[in-house]
Amino acid sequence: MVSLEGQEVLVELRDVTKTYGRAPNVFVAIERVNLRIRAGEFVGMLGPSGSGKSTLLRMIAGLTPPSAGEILYRGQRLAGVNPH
């Protein structure tokens, strides 16, 4: 097994939450996810239908904003990043 400890963190999620709806009818799709993905690392997500896998990937891709928390790419927040 190869250690990736010294590798750059490419993607970082800090307390990422995604909710839909408004009080009192709020649906929590993702709650306080923390994750670091380093250069050279392969990551898989497993879970039943409706568990938030696609929602999490859409947030990492910048297609859906998180309701709370922050997502960073190479240390820069994804919110407001120029896609080009």
N, C-alpha and C. Protein backbone atom coordinates (compact mmCIF):
# COMPACT_ATOMS: atom_id res chain seq x y z
N MET A 1 0.84 -1.18 0.00
CA MET A 1 0.00 0.00 0.00
C MET A 1 0.89 1.24 0.00
N VAL A 2 0.52 2.23 -0.81
CA VAL A 2 1.29 3.47 -0.93
C VAL A 2 0.70 4.52 0.00
N SER A 3 1.54 5.20 0.74
CA SER A 3 1.08 6.27 1.62
C SER A 3 0.91 7.56 0.83
N LEU A 4 -0.22 8.23 1.01
CA LEU A 4 -0.50 9.51 0.35
C LEU A 4 -0.42 10.66 1.34
N GLU A 5 0.13 10.40 2.52
CA GLU A 5 0.14 11.39 3.60
C GLU A 5 0.74 12.73 3.19
N GLY A 6 1.82 12.72 2.41
CA GLY A 6 2.46 13.99 2.03
C GLY A 6 1.87 14.65 0.80
N GLN A 7 0.89 14.01 0.17
CA GLN A 7 0.31 14.54 -1.07
C GLN A 7 -0.62 15.73 -0.81
N GLU A 8 -0.72 16.58 -1.82
CA GLU A 8 -1.58 17.76 -1.76
C GLU A 8 -3.05 17.34 -1.61
N VAL A 9 -3.79 18.07 -0.80
CA VAL A 9 -5.23 17.86 -0.68
C VAL A 9 -5.88 18.58 -1.85
N LEU A 10 -6.55 17.83 -2.73
CA LEU A 10 -7.19 18.43 -3.90
C LEU A 10 -8.58 18.95 -3.56
N VAL A 11 -9.37 18.12 -2.90
CA VAL A 11 -10.75 18.47 -2.56
C VAL A 11 -10.93 18.30 -1.07
N GLU A 12 -11.53 19.31 -0.45
CA GLU A 12 -11.81 19.23 0.99
C GLU A 12 -13.23 19.72 1.26
N LEU A 13 -13.97 18.94 2.01
CA LEU A 13 -15.31 19.32 2.45
C LEU A 13 -15.24 19.57 3.95
N ARG A 14 -15.78 20.70 4.38
CA ARG A 14 -15.78 21.06 5.79
C ARG A 14 -17.22 21.29 6.26
N ASP A 15 -17.71 20.38 7.06
CA ASP A 15 -19.06 20.47 7.63
C ASP A 15 -20.12 20.77 6.57
N VAL A 16 -20.05 20.08 5.44
CA VAL A 16 -20.97 20.33 4.33
C VAL A 16 -22.34 19.72 4.63
N THR A 17 -23.36 20.55 4.48
CA THR A 17 -24.74 20.15 4.68
C THR A 17 -25.57 20.61 3.49
N LYS A 18 -26.53 19.79 3.09
CA LYS A 18 -27.47 20.17 2.04
C LYS A 18 -28.87 19.86 2.52
N THR A 19 -29.70 20.89 2.53
CA THR A 19 -31.10 20.72 2.91
C THR A 19 -31.98 21.21 1.76
N TYR A 20 -33.20 20.71 1.74
CA TYR A 20 -34.20 21.13 0.76
C TYR A 20 -35.46 21.52 1.51
N GLY A 21 -36.20 22.47 0.97
CA GLY A 21 -37.44 22.90 1.59
C GLY A 21 -37.23 24.00 2.60
N ARG A 22 -38.31 24.36 3.25
CA ARG A 22 -38.29 25.41 4.28
C ARG A 22 -39.00 24.91 5.53
N ALA A 23 -38.61 25.50 6.66
CA ALA A 23 -39.22 25.11 7.94
C ALA A 23 -40.73 25.29 7.84
N PRO A 24 -41.50 24.39 8.33
CA PRO A 24 -41.14 23.21 9.12
C PRO A 24 -40.90 21.96 8.27
N ASN A 25 -40.93 22.10 6.94
CA ASN A 25 -40.79 20.94 6.06
C ASN A 25 -39.39 20.86 5.45
N VAL A 26 -38.38 20.72 6.27
CA VAL A 26 -37.00 20.67 5.80
C VAL A 26 -36.56 19.21 5.68
N PHE A 27 -35.97 18.89 4.53
CA PHE A 27 -35.40 17.57 4.31
C PHE A 27 -33.88 17.71 4.30
N VAL A 28 -33.21 16.99 5.17
CA VAL A 28 -31.75 17.04 5.25
C VAL A 28 -31.20 15.90 4.38
N ALA A 29 -30.58 16.27 3.26
CA ALA A 29 -30.03 15.27 2.33
C ALA A 29 -28.61 14.87 2.73
N ILE A 30 -27.81 15.83 3.15
CA ILE A 30 -26.42 15.62 3.56
C ILE A 30 -26.22 16.42 4.84
N GLU A 31 -25.59 15.82 5.84
CA GLU A 31 -25.42 16.54 7.10
C GLU A 31 -23.98 16.47 7.61
N ARG A 32 -23.32 17.63 7.67
CA ARG A 32 -21.99 17.83 8.27
C ARG A 32 -20.95 16.82 7.80
N VAL A 33 -20.78 16.74 6.50
CA VAL A 33 -19.78 15.84 5.92
C VAL A 33 -18.42 16.52 5.91
N ASN A 34 -17.41 15.82 6.39
CA ASN A 34 -16.02 16.26 6.35
C ASN A 34 -15.24 15.21 5.57
N LEU A 35 -14.45 15.68 4.60
CA LEU A 35 -13.74 14.75 3.72
C LEU A 35 -12.54 15.44 3.11
N ARG A 36 -11.44 14.72 2.99
CA ARG A 36 -10.26 15.21 2.28
C ARG A 36 -9.88 14.17 1.23
N ILE A 37 -9.70 14.63 0.00
CA ILE A 37 -9.26 13.77 -1.09
C ILE A 37 -7.91 14.28 -1.56
N ARG A 38 -6.91 13.44 -1.46
CA ARG A 38 -5.53 13.82 -1.82
C ARG A 38 -5.22 13.44 -3.27
N ALA A 39 -4.22 14.11 -3.83
CA ALA A 39 -3.74 13.79 -5.17
C ALA A 39 -3.36 12.31 -5.24
N GLY A 40 -3.80 11.63 -6.28
CA GLY A 40 -3.49 10.22 -6.46
C GLY A 40 -4.42 9.26 -5.75
N GLU A 41 -5.38 9.78 -5.03
CA GLU A 41 -6.29 8.94 -4.26
C GLU A 41 -7.54 8.62 -5.07
N PHE A 42 -8.03 7.39 -4.95
CA PHE A 42 -9.29 6.99 -5.56
C PHE A 42 -10.31 6.86 -4.43
N VAL A 43 -11.50 7.42 -4.64
CA VAL A 43 -12.54 7.42 -3.61
C VAL A 43 -13.83 6.88 -4.22
N GLY A 44 -14.49 6.02 -3.50
CA GLY A 44 -15.79 5.51 -3.91
C GLY A 44 -16.83 5.83 -2.85
N MET A 45 -18.08 5.97 -3.29
CA MET A 45 -19.18 6.22 -2.35
C MET A 45 -20.21 5.12 -2.50
N LEU A 46 -20.58 4.55 -1.39
CA LEU A 46 -21.57 3.49 -1.38
C LEU A 46 -22.73 3.89 -0.49
N GLY A 47 -23.92 3.48 -0.88
CA GLY A 47 -25.08 3.73 -0.06
C GLY A 47 -26.34 3.41 -0.82
N PRO A 48 -27.43 3.24 -0.11
CA PRO A 48 -28.69 2.92 -0.77
C PRO A 48 -29.23 4.11 -1.56
N SER A 49 -30.20 3.84 -2.38
CA SER A 49 -30.88 4.88 -3.14
C SER A 49 -31.42 5.94 -2.19
N GLY A 50 -31.18 7.21 -2.52
CA GLY A 50 -31.68 8.30 -1.70
C GLY A 50 -30.80 8.68 -0.53
N SER A 51 -29.59 8.12 -0.46
CA SER A 51 -28.72 8.40 0.68
C SER A 51 -27.86 9.65 0.51
N GLY A 52 -27.90 10.28 -0.68
CA GLY A 52 -27.19 11.54 -0.87
C GLY A 52 -25.92 11.47 -1.71
N LYS A 53 -25.66 10.33 -2.33
CA LYS A 53 -24.43 10.17 -3.13
C LYS A 53 -24.39 11.17 -4.28
N SER A 54 -25.44 11.23 -5.06
CA SER A 54 -25.48 12.15 -6.22
C SER A 54 -25.47 13.59 -5.77
N THR A 55 -26.16 13.90 -4.70
CA THR A 55 -26.16 15.26 -4.16
C THR A 55 -24.76 15.67 -3.75
N LEU A 56 -24.05 14.79 -3.09
CA LEU A 56 -22.68 15.09 -2.67
C LEU A 56 -21.77 15.31 -3.88
N LEU A 57 -21.89 14.46 -4.89
CA LEU A 57 -21.07 14.63 -6.10
C LEU A 57 -21.41 15.92 -6.83
N ARG A 58 -22.68 16.29 -6.88
CA ARG A 58 -23.07 17.54 -7.54
C ARG A 58 -22.49 18.74 -6.79
N MET A 59 -22.43 18.67 -5.48
CA MET A 59 -21.83 19.77 -4.72
C MET A 59 -20.32 19.84 -4.95
N ILE A 60 -19.65 18.69 -4.97
CA ILE A 60 -18.21 18.68 -5.21
C ILE A 60 -17.90 19.23 -6.60
N ALA A 61 -18.76 18.92 -7.58
CA ALA A 61 -18.56 19.41 -8.96
C ALA A 61 -18.92 20.88 -9.11
N GLY A 62 -19.53 21.47 -8.09
CA GLY A 62 -19.90 22.88 -8.16
C GLY A 62 -21.23 23.12 -8.84
N LEU A 63 -22.01 22.07 -9.08
CA LEU A 63 -23.30 22.21 -9.75
C LEU A 63 -24.42 22.57 -8.80
N THR A 64 -24.26 22.22 -7.54
CA THR A 64 -25.26 22.50 -6.51
C THR A 64 -24.54 23.09 -5.31
N PRO A 65 -24.97 24.26 -4.83
CA PRO A 65 -24.29 24.84 -3.67
C PRO A 65 -24.70 24.14 -2.37
N PRO A 66 -23.79 24.01 -1.43
CA PRO A 66 -24.17 23.46 -0.13
C PRO A 66 -25.03 24.47 0.63
N SER A 67 -25.89 23.98 1.50
CA SER A 67 -26.70 24.85 2.36
C SER A 67 -25.85 25.42 3.49
N ALA A 68 -24.84 24.67 3.90
CA ALA A 68 -23.92 25.11 4.96
C ALA A 68 -22.58 24.42 4.75
N GLY A 69 -21.55 24.97 5.36
CA GLY A 69 -20.22 24.41 5.23
C GLY A 69 -19.53 24.95 3.99
N GLU A 70 -18.36 24.39 3.68
CA GLU A 70 -17.63 24.86 2.51
C GLU A 70 -16.91 23.72 1.82
N ILE A 71 -16.74 23.90 0.52
CA ILE A 71 -16.02 22.95 -0.31
C ILE A 71 -14.84 23.69 -0.92
N LEU A 72 -13.65 23.10 -0.78
CA LEU A 72 -12.44 23.73 -1.31
C LEU A 72 -11.79 22.84 -2.35
N TYR A 73 -11.25 23.47 -3.39
CA TYR A 73 -10.44 22.78 -4.39
C TYR A 73 -9.06 23.41 -4.36
N ARG A 74 -8.08 22.62 -3.99
CA ARG A 74 -6.71 23.11 -3.82
C ARG A 74 -6.66 24.33 -2.91
N GLY A 75 -7.45 24.29 -1.85
CA GLY A 75 -7.44 25.34 -0.84
C GLY A 75 -8.31 26.54 -1.15
N GLN A 76 -8.94 26.57 -2.33
CA GLN A 76 -9.79 27.70 -2.72
C GLN A 76 -11.25 27.28 -2.67
N ARG A 77 -12.08 28.12 -2.06
CA ARG A 77 -13.51 27.82 -1.98
C ARG A 77 -14.10 27.72 -3.36
N LEU A 78 -14.97 26.74 -3.57
CA LEU A 78 -15.62 26.57 -4.87
C LEU A 78 -16.61 27.68 -5.16
N ALA A 79 -17.22 28.25 -4.14
CA ALA A 79 -18.20 29.33 -4.35
C ALA A 79 -17.51 30.50 -5.03
N GLY A 80 -17.99 30.86 -6.20
CA GLY A 80 -17.45 32.02 -6.89
C GLY A 80 -16.21 31.76 -7.71
N VAL A 81 -15.79 30.49 -7.86
CA VAL A 81 -14.61 30.17 -8.65
C VAL A 81 -14.95 30.26 -10.13
N ASN A 82 -14.07 30.88 -10.91
CA ASN A 82 -14.25 30.97 -12.35
C ASN A 82 -14.07 29.57 -12.95
N PRO A 83 -15.06 29.06 -13.71
CA PRO A 83 -14.97 27.70 -14.24
C PRO A 83 -13.94 27.54 -15.34
N HIS A 84 -13.36 28.62 -15.81
CA HIS A 84 -12.38 28.52 -16.93
C HIS A 84 -11.04 28.72 -16.38
